[in-house]
N, C-alpha and C. Protein backbone atom coordinates (compact mmCIF):
# COMPACT_ATOMS: atom_id res chain seq x y z
N LEU A 1 1.29 -0.84 -0.12
CA LEU A 1 0.08 -0.13 -0.14
C LEU A 1 0.92 1.28 -0.28
N LEU A 2 2.15 1.20 0.77
CA LEU A 2 2.99 2.52 0.71
C LEU A 2 3.56 2.83 -0.51
N PRO A 3 4.09 2.12 -0.76
CA PRO A 3 4.26 2.40 -2.34
C PRO A 3 3.42 2.47 -3.81
N TYR A 4 2.65 2.03 -3.17
CA TYR A 4 1.07 2.57 -3.91
C TYR A 4 0.70 4.08 -4.05
N LEU A 5 1.20 4.57 -2.44
CA LEU A 5 0.23 5.68 -2.30
C LEU A 5 1.74 6.70 -2.25
N VAL A 6 3.05 6.01 -2.29
CA VAL A 6 3.92 7.24 -2.74
C VAL A 6 4.11 7.30 -4.08
N GLU A 7 3.86 6.58 -4.66
CA GLU A 7 3.61 6.49 -7.00
C GLU A 7 2.67 7.50 -6.91
N LYS A 8 1.95 7.41 -6.16
CA LYS A 8 0.38 8.50 -6.49
C LYS A 8 0.64 9.90 -6.17
N PHE A 9 1.72 9.79 -5.06
CA PHE A 9 2.08 11.63 -4.76
C PHE A 9 3.02 11.84 -6.15
N GLN A 10 4.28 11.24 -6.10
CA GLN A 10 5.28 11.32 -7.19
C GLN A 10 4.67 11.89 -8.46
N GLY A 11 3.27 10.77 -8.96
CA GLY A 11 2.76 10.91 -10.26
C GLY A 11 2.09 12.57 -10.42
N SER A 12 1.63 13.25 -9.21
CA SER A 12 0.59 14.27 -8.83
C SER A 12 1.63 15.38 -8.79
N CYS A 13 2.97 15.01 -8.54
CA CYS A 13 3.34 16.35 -7.79
C CYS A 13 4.47 16.01 -8.94
N ARG A 14 5.27 15.32 -9.48
CA ARG A 14 6.23 15.71 -10.62
C ARG A 14 6.13 16.57 -11.20
N ALA A 15 5.14 17.23 -11.73
CA ALA A 15 5.12 18.61 -12.70
C ALA A 15 4.87 19.95 -12.08
N LYS A 16 4.93 19.67 -11.12
CA LYS A 16 4.01 21.12 -9.74
C LYS A 16 5.22 21.36 -8.99
N LEU A 17 6.62 20.20 -8.90
CA LEU A 17 7.42 20.76 -7.86
C LEU A 17 8.95 20.27 -8.14
N PRO A 18 9.79 21.03 -7.59
CA PRO A 18 11.41 20.43 -8.20
C PRO A 18 11.46 19.45 -8.03
N ARG A 19 12.41 18.65 -8.07
CA ARG A 19 12.89 17.68 -8.15
C ARG A 19 13.28 17.07 -6.93
N ARG A 20 13.81 18.28 -6.50
CA ARG A 20 14.73 18.43 -5.16
C ARG A 20 13.83 17.98 -4.00
N LEU A 21 12.60 18.35 -4.03
CA LEU A 21 11.65 18.14 -3.08
C LEU A 21 10.69 16.98 -3.33
N LEU A 22 11.22 16.12 -4.02
CA LEU A 22 10.42 14.68 -4.52
C LEU A 22 10.92 13.45 -3.53
N ILE A 23 10.42 13.08 -3.25
CA ILE A 23 10.95 11.75 -3.03
C ILE A 23 12.33 10.95 -3.90
N ALA A 24 13.13 10.49 -3.62
CA ALA A 24 14.22 10.27 -4.72
C ALA A 24 13.87 10.84 -5.76
N ARG A 25 14.08 12.13 -5.55
CA ARG A 25 14.27 12.89 -6.57
C ARG A 25 13.00 12.33 -8.02
N GLY A 26 11.81 12.07 -7.55
CA GLY A 26 10.79 11.79 -8.55
C GLY A 26 11.28 10.70 -9.14
N GLU A 27 12.02 10.39 -8.92
CA GLU A 27 12.15 8.53 -9.47
C GLU A 27 11.49 7.77 -9.02
N VAL A 28 11.04 6.62 -9.67
CA VAL A 28 10.09 5.29 -9.39
C VAL A 28 10.58 4.87 -8.62
N ILE A 29 10.36 4.49 -7.46
CA ILE A 29 11.03 3.58 -6.53
C ILE A 29 10.67 2.37 -6.33
N PRO A 30 11.89 2.01 -6.11
CA PRO A 30 11.34 0.32 -6.78
C PRO A 30 11.53 -1.09 -5.69
N ALA A 31 10.77 -0.89 -4.94
CA ALA A 31 10.07 -1.29 -4.48
C ALA A 31 10.11 -2.89 -4.12
N VAL A 32 10.62 -4.05 -3.29
CA VAL A 32 10.40 -5.40 -4.19
C VAL A 32 9.11 -5.88 -2.62
N HIS A 33 7.79 -6.49 -2.85
CA HIS A 33 7.72 -7.02 -2.38
C HIS A 33 7.07 -8.40 -2.79
N GLY A 34 7.16 -9.74 -1.98
CA GLY A 34 6.55 -10.71 -2.60
C GLY A 34 5.04 -11.04 -1.98
N TRP A 35 4.92 -12.54 -2.07
CA TRP A 35 3.42 -12.58 -1.60
C TRP A 35 3.04 -14.16 -0.66
N LEU A 36 4.62 -14.60 -0.01
CA LEU A 36 4.67 -15.81 0.90
C LEU A 36 4.34 -15.74 1.71
N THR A 37 3.70 -16.67 2.04
CA THR A 37 3.88 -16.91 3.64
C THR A 37 4.35 -17.37 4.51
N LYS A 38 5.38 -18.57 3.64
CA LYS A 38 6.69 -19.37 4.82
C LYS A 38 7.21 -18.79 3.66
N THR A 39 8.42 -18.03 3.68
CA THR A 39 9.30 -17.82 2.95
C THR A 39 10.76 -18.86 2.75
N PRO A 40 11.40 -19.50 2.04
CA PRO A 40 12.36 -20.28 1.75
C PRO A 40 13.43 -20.19 1.91
N VAL A 41 14.47 -20.88 2.15
CA VAL A 41 15.35 -21.01 2.15
C VAL A 41 16.92 -21.79 1.39
N LYS A 42 17.76 -21.08 1.51
CA LYS A 42 18.91 -22.26 0.80
C LYS A 42 20.29 -21.73 1.55
N ARG A 43 21.07 -22.78 1.34
CA ARG A 43 22.60 -22.70 2.09
C ARG A 43 23.66 -22.56 1.43
N LEU A 44 24.30 -21.85 1.14
CA LEU A 44 25.44 -21.31 0.17
C LEU A 44 26.73 -21.61 1.10
N ASP A 45 26.83 -21.67 2.46
CA ASP A 45 27.77 -21.72 3.07
C ASP A 45 28.88 -20.18 2.57
N LEU A 46 28.72 -19.22 1.88
CA LEU A 46 29.88 -18.74 1.97
C LEU A 46 30.43 -18.24 2.82
N GLN A 47 31.36 -17.51 2.19
CA GLN A 47 32.56 -16.97 3.06
C GLN A 47 33.32 -16.08 2.87
N PRO A 48 33.66 -14.96 3.37
CA PRO A 48 34.43 -13.62 3.26
C PRO A 48 35.44 -13.95 1.91
N GLY A 49 35.39 -13.34 1.11
CA GLY A 49 36.39 -13.80 -0.38
C GLY A 49 35.87 -14.34 -1.36
N GLU A 50 34.42 -14.62 -0.62
CA GLU A 50 33.91 -15.58 -2.61
C GLU A 50 33.24 -14.44 -3.12
N GLN A 51 32.86 -14.69 -4.23
CA GLN A 51 32.38 -13.70 -5.39
C GLN A 51 31.51 -14.19 -5.63
N VAL A 52 30.52 -13.47 -5.67
CA VAL A 52 28.42 -13.42 -5.72
C VAL A 52 27.72 -12.62 -6.64
N ARG A 53 26.58 -13.20 -6.99
CA ARG A 53 26.10 -12.03 -7.88
C ARG A 53 24.97 -12.12 -7.47
N VAL A 54 24.18 -11.08 -7.08
CA VAL A 54 23.42 -10.64 -6.46
C VAL A 54 21.96 -10.62 -7.11
N ARG A 55 21.16 -11.55 -6.89
CA ARG A 55 20.20 -11.82 -7.94
C ARG A 55 19.19 -11.22 -8.30
N SER A 56 18.41 -11.01 -9.36
CA SER A 56 17.81 -10.29 -10.16
C SER A 56 16.72 -9.86 -9.51
N ARG A 57 16.39 -8.15 -9.07
CA ARG A 57 14.96 -7.85 -8.69
C ARG A 57 13.37 -9.21 -8.50
N GLN A 58 13.41 -9.95 -9.66
CA GLN A 58 11.84 -10.66 -9.69
C GLN A 58 12.30 -11.65 -9.25
N GLU A 59 14.06 -12.74 -9.08
CA GLU A 59 14.16 -13.63 -8.42
C GLU A 59 14.07 -13.76 -6.75
N ILE A 60 14.36 -12.33 -6.45
CA ILE A 60 14.43 -11.94 -4.76
C ILE A 60 12.85 -11.59 -4.42
N ARG A 61 12.50 -11.28 -5.31
CA ARG A 61 11.19 -11.49 -5.13
C ARG A 61 10.51 -12.45 -4.65
N GLN A 62 10.46 -13.76 -5.39
CA GLN A 62 10.13 -14.91 -5.38
C GLN A 62 9.81 -15.46 -4.31
N THR A 63 10.96 -14.65 -3.60
CA THR A 63 11.40 -15.25 -1.61
C THR A 63 11.37 -14.75 -0.65
N LEU A 64 10.10 -13.30 -0.86
CA LEU A 64 10.42 -12.77 0.26
C LEU A 64 8.46 -12.78 0.33
N ASP A 65 7.74 -12.38 1.75
CA ASP A 65 6.49 -12.28 2.13
C ASP A 65 6.14 -10.95 1.82
N ARG A 66 5.12 -10.76 2.11
CA ARG A 66 4.49 -9.47 1.69
C ARG A 66 5.12 -7.90 3.06
N ASP A 67 5.84 -8.27 3.23
CA ASP A 67 6.31 -7.68 4.02
C ASP A 67 7.65 -6.88 3.77
N ALA A 68 8.09 -7.43 2.80
CA ALA A 68 9.48 -7.48 2.17
C ALA A 68 10.62 -8.01 2.87
N ARG A 69 10.51 -9.46 3.52
CA ARG A 69 11.07 -9.99 3.97
C ARG A 69 11.09 -11.22 3.88
N ASN A 70 12.45 -12.01 4.41
CA ASN A 70 12.63 -13.80 3.86
C ASN A 70 13.53 -14.34 5.27
N ARG A 71 12.44 -14.95 6.11
CA ARG A 71 12.78 -14.75 7.11
C ARG A 71 12.91 -14.01 8.53
N GLY A 72 12.57 -12.70 8.41
CA GLY A 72 12.34 -11.99 9.53
C GLY A 72 13.46 -10.83 8.80
N LEU A 73 14.49 -11.22 7.61
CA LEU A 73 15.45 -9.99 7.41
C LEU A 73 14.91 -9.81 6.41
N THR A 74 14.48 -8.08 6.30
CA THR A 74 14.25 -7.38 4.71
C THR A 74 15.16 -6.69 4.19
N PHE A 75 14.68 -7.10 2.92
CA PHE A 75 14.90 -6.83 1.57
C PHE A 75 14.51 -5.67 1.17
N GLU A 76 15.60 -4.38 2.08
CA GLU A 76 15.48 -2.64 1.41
C GLU A 76 15.11 -2.27 0.21
N THR A 77 14.40 -0.79 0.24
CA THR A 77 14.73 -0.94 -1.47
C THR A 77 16.04 -0.33 -1.67
N GLU A 78 16.81 0.23 -0.76
CA GLU A 78 17.96 1.02 -0.21
C GLU A 78 19.23 -0.47 -1.51
N MET A 79 18.46 -1.64 -1.76
CA MET A 79 19.55 -2.94 -1.67
C MET A 79 19.05 -3.03 -3.29
N THR A 80 17.93 -2.45 -3.75
CA THR A 80 18.29 -2.71 -5.27
C THR A 80 18.79 -2.54 -6.28
N PRO A 81 19.31 -1.44 -6.34
CA PRO A 81 21.33 -1.00 -7.48
C PRO A 81 21.64 -2.07 -7.39
N TYR A 82 22.30 -2.85 -6.45
CA TYR A 82 22.76 -4.09 -6.73
C TYR A 82 22.61 -4.95 -7.28
N CYS A 83 21.12 -5.11 -7.81
CA CYS A 83 20.78 -6.72 -8.16
C CYS A 83 21.42 -6.87 -9.47
N GLY A 84 21.54 -8.16 -9.61
CA GLY A 84 22.20 -8.70 -10.96
C GLY A 84 23.97 -8.19 -10.99
N ARG A 85 24.58 -7.20 -9.50
CA ARG A 85 25.92 -7.33 -9.82
C ARG A 85 26.86 -8.19 -9.35
N SER A 86 27.85 -8.40 -9.38
CA SER A 86 28.61 -9.13 -9.19
C SER A 86 29.95 -8.35 -8.25
N MET A 87 29.48 -9.09 -6.69
CA MET A 87 30.26 -8.55 -5.55
C MET A 87 30.90 -9.73 -4.52
N GLN A 88 31.83 -9.32 -3.83
CA GLN A 88 32.71 -10.13 -2.94
C GLN A 88 31.51 -10.08 -1.82
N VAL A 89 32.14 -11.48 -1.20
CA VAL A 89 31.58 -11.62 0.45
C VAL A 89 32.22 -10.87 1.55
N ALA A 90 31.93 -9.91 1.71
CA ALA A 90 32.76 -9.35 3.43
C ALA A 90 33.36 -10.22 4.48
N ARG A 91 31.90 -10.54 5.13
CA ARG A 91 32.16 -11.44 6.47
C ARG A 91 30.76 -11.82 6.63
N ARG A 92 30.06 -12.83 7.41
CA ARG A 92 29.04 -13.39 7.73
C ARG A 92 28.89 -12.69 9.20
N VAL A 93 27.33 -12.15 9.44
CA VAL A 93 27.12 -11.79 10.33
C VAL A 93 26.51 -12.75 11.21
N THR A 94 26.78 -12.87 12.46
CA THR A 94 26.27 -13.73 13.06
C THR A 94 25.71 -13.00 14.76
N GLN A 95 25.94 -11.87 15.19
CA GLN A 95 25.51 -11.34 16.08
C GLN A 95 25.38 -9.77 15.96
N ILE A 96 24.12 -8.86 16.29
CA ILE A 96 24.20 -7.69 15.87
C ILE A 96 23.44 -6.64 17.17
N ILE A 97 23.71 -5.97 17.50
CA ILE A 97 22.89 -4.78 18.60
C ILE A 97 21.53 -4.02 17.80
N ASP A 98 20.72 -4.57 18.47
CA ASP A 98 19.24 -3.86 18.13
C ASP A 98 19.65 -2.32 18.28
N GLU A 99 19.59 -1.70 17.86
CA GLU A 99 19.13 -0.02 18.36
C GLU A 99 18.24 0.17 19.10
N TRP A 100 17.35 -0.01 18.75
CA TRP A 100 16.53 0.62 19.75
C TRP A 100 16.00 0.30 21.21
N THR A 101 17.03 -1.35 21.43
CA THR A 101 16.80 -1.29 22.82
C THR A 101 18.47 -1.64 23.12
N GLY A 102 19.28 -1.35 22.70
CA GLY A 102 20.94 -2.15 22.91
C GLY A 102 20.97 -3.35 23.26
N ARG A 103 20.59 -4.22 22.91
CA ARG A 103 20.62 -4.70 22.75
C ARG A 103 21.07 -6.09 22.70
N MET A 104 22.42 -7.63 22.18
CA MET A 104 22.55 -8.06 21.73
C MET A 104 22.21 -9.34 20.99
N VAL A 105 21.59 -9.12 19.93
CA VAL A 105 20.75 -10.50 19.44
C VAL A 105 21.94 -11.20 18.58
N ASN A 106 21.69 -12.64 19.06
CA ASN A 106 22.62 -13.43 18.53
C ASN A 106 21.92 -14.00 16.75
N LEU A 107 22.39 -14.14 15.90
CA LEU A 107 21.08 -14.48 15.02
C LEU A 107 21.56 -16.09 14.41
N THR A 108 20.81 -16.52 14.22
CA THR A 108 20.86 -17.58 13.45
C THR A 108 20.75 -18.68 12.42
N ALA A 109 19.86 -17.44 11.81
CA ALA A 109 19.89 -17.77 10.33
C ALA A 109 21.26 -17.17 9.25
N ASP A 110 21.07 -17.44 8.56
CA ASP A 110 22.13 -16.91 7.69
C ASP A 110 22.16 -15.10 7.11
N CYS A 111 23.28 -14.69 7.08
CA CYS A 111 23.28 -12.81 7.55
C CYS A 111 24.32 -12.74 6.39
N ILE A 112 24.80 -11.74 5.51
CA ILE A 112 25.67 -11.94 4.54
C ILE A 112 26.25 -10.26 4.89
N VAL A 113 27.24 -9.94 4.57
CA VAL A 113 27.87 -8.51 4.27
C VAL A 113 28.80 -8.29 2.86
N LEU A 114 28.02 -8.09 2.22
CA LEU A 114 28.79 -8.15 0.84
C LEU A 114 29.98 -6.65 1.13
N GLU A 115 30.54 -6.30 -0.08
CA GLU A 115 32.10 -5.06 0.08
C GLU A 115 30.80 -4.15 -0.88
N GLY A 116 31.12 -3.26 0.12
CA GLY A 116 30.68 -2.01 -0.53
C GLY A 116 29.44 -2.03 -0.88
N ALA A 117 28.11 -2.50 -0.24
CA ALA A 117 26.98 -2.60 -0.15
C ALA A 117 26.46 -1.95 0.71
N VAL A 118 26.24 -0.84 0.43
CA VAL A 118 25.80 0.05 1.69
C VAL A 118 24.78 0.43 1.62
N CYS A 119 23.96 1.04 2.52
CA CYS A 119 22.71 2.03 2.07
C CYS A 119 23.46 3.34 1.58
N LYS A 120 22.99 3.93 0.23
CA LYS A 120 23.49 5.22 0.30
C LYS A 120 22.58 5.98 0.06
N GLY A 121 20.98 5.95 0.83
CA GLY A 121 20.20 7.12 1.41
C GLY A 121 19.49 7.32 -0.10
N LEU A 122 19.23 7.09 -0.77
CA LEU A 122 18.63 7.12 -2.33
C LEU A 122 16.96 7.25 -1.70
N TYR A 123 16.07 6.18 -1.33
CA TYR A 123 14.77 6.34 -0.87
C TYR A 123 14.46 6.41 0.27
N HIS A 124 15.84 6.50 1.52
CA HIS A 124 15.42 6.64 3.11
C HIS A 124 16.05 7.91 3.50
N GLY A 125 15.39 9.31 2.69
CA GLY A 125 15.47 10.50 3.42
C GLY A 125 16.83 11.00 3.21
N MET A 126 17.82 10.46 2.25
CA MET A 126 18.79 11.09 1.78
C MET A 126 20.11 10.22 3.19
N CYS A 127 19.74 10.01 3.39
CA CYS A 127 20.42 9.40 5.00
C CYS A 127 21.74 9.47 5.00
N THR A 128 22.61 9.84 5.46
CA THR A 128 24.07 9.81 5.19
C THR A 128 25.01 8.47 6.08
N ARG A 129 24.28 7.52 6.54
CA ARG A 129 24.89 6.61 7.59
C ARG A 129 25.70 5.45 6.72
N ARG A 130 25.37 5.55 5.41
CA ARG A 130 25.49 3.85 5.00
C ARG A 130 26.42 2.94 5.92
N THR A 131 25.06 2.56 6.00
CA THR A 131 24.86 1.13 6.97
C THR A 131 25.55 0.01 6.03
N ASP A 132 25.70 -1.30 6.28
CA ASP A 132 26.09 -2.07 5.56
C ASP A 132 24.55 -3.21 4.97
N ALA A 133 24.19 -3.27 3.86
CA ALA A 133 23.20 -4.08 4.07
C ALA A 133 23.43 -5.71 4.31
N TYR A 134 22.50 -6.27 4.95
CA TYR A 134 22.39 -7.44 5.07
C TYR A 134 21.73 -8.34 4.34
N TRP A 135 22.06 -9.69 4.15
CA TRP A 135 21.70 -10.47 3.27
C TRP A 135 21.41 -11.60 3.43
N ARG A 136 20.52 -12.25 2.76
CA ARG A 136 20.42 -13.95 2.49
C ARG A 136 21.16 -14.67 1.51
N GLU A 137 21.52 -16.02 1.99
CA GLU A 137 22.12 -16.57 0.48
C GLU A 137 21.27 -16.86 -0.31
N ILE A 138 20.04 -16.52 0.03
CA ILE A 138 19.12 -17.10 -1.28
C ILE A 138 18.87 -16.15 -2.32
N TRP A 139 19.30 -14.97 -2.29
CA TRP A 139 19.43 -13.21 -2.71
C TRP A 139 20.49 -13.50 -3.29
N LEU A 140 21.73 -14.61 -3.24
CA LEU A 140 23.00 -14.19 -4.13
C LEU A 140 23.24 -15.91 -4.77
N GLU A 141 24.35 -15.92 -5.46
CA GLU A 141 24.49 -16.75 -6.01
C GLU A 141 26.01 -17.22 -6.55
N ARG A 142 26.50 -18.41 -6.21
CA ARG A 142 27.84 -18.49 -5.84
C ARG A 142 28.74 -18.25 -7.62
N GLU A 143 29.64 -16.95 -7.66
CA GLU A 143 30.07 -17.57 -9.19
C GLU A 143 31.15 -17.92 -9.11
N ALA A 144 31.23 -18.63 -10.38
CA ALA A 144 32.42 -19.56 -10.85
C ALA A 144 34.01 -18.93 -10.57
N ASP A 145 34.96 -19.43 -10.12
CA ASP A 145 36.08 -19.11 -9.66
C ASP A 145 36.66 -19.06 -10.75
N PRO A 146 37.56 -17.98 -11.13
CA PRO A 146 38.06 -17.92 -12.41
C PRO A 146 39.24 -18.80 -12.69
N GLY A 147 39.63 -19.29 -11.81
CA GLY A 147 41.23 -19.91 -12.08
C GLY A 147 40.29 -21.34 -12.36
N GLN A 148 39.06 -21.91 -12.11
CA GLN A 148 38.90 -22.86 -12.47
C GLN A 148 38.29 -23.23 -14.13
N ASP A 149 38.91 -24.66 -14.73
CA ASP A 149 38.47 -24.64 -15.92
C ASP A 149 37.21 -24.93 -16.31
N GLN A 150 36.18 -24.28 -16.79
CA GLN A 150 35.01 -24.39 -17.15
C GLN A 150 34.51 -25.59 -17.45
N THR A 151 35.60 -25.75 -18.70
CA THR A 151 35.11 -26.69 -19.52
C THR A 151 34.75 -28.53 -18.98
N THR A 152 34.25 -29.33 -19.70
CA THR A 152 34.58 -30.09 -19.47
C THR A 152 35.12 -30.98 -20.32
N LYS A 153 36.01 -32.44 -20.20
CA LYS A 153 37.16 -32.48 -21.00
C LYS A 153 36.49 -34.20 -21.14
N VAL A 154 36.13 -34.23 -22.18
CA VAL A 154 35.78 -35.91 -22.36
C VAL A 154 37.00 -36.60 -23.26
N GLY A 155 37.08 -38.16 -22.76
CA GLY A 155 37.86 -38.78 -22.86
C GLY A 155 37.80 -39.10 -24.80
N ARG A 156 38.60 -39.31 -25.28
CA ARG A 156 38.66 -39.48 -27.08
C ARG A 156 39.15 -41.13 -27.07
């Protein structure tokens, strides 16, 4: 509902207001929401330094519920510019501090940080914090190691 209302506002104000006053400078906001009630799991056991490709918005959407979550982790609108890109795994996250309560939270499910994949504040009020984006392994796919021979040799 919210993406619909924002897009309606954008459409009615685009011609009347300067771009700097519009949400995301008047650009279409690439919201990604799913429809599942139980979200799937895919284990890749990714490790720091591995090369991955972020899946497309359409592929990721198939793993999300109506709140854009997969097992509680939200696929944020700020993550959409990274879709389709090749990136390197920076680290696995096993604990975070809940900003609202100040408590340490142990994460039981996969949570990955990619090198350079940060919130740039494009869609969230031009936030300048540049916080890390958290990824589920199901939103990523391992890329082939360029050092490995991709051809299969057939005996003659």
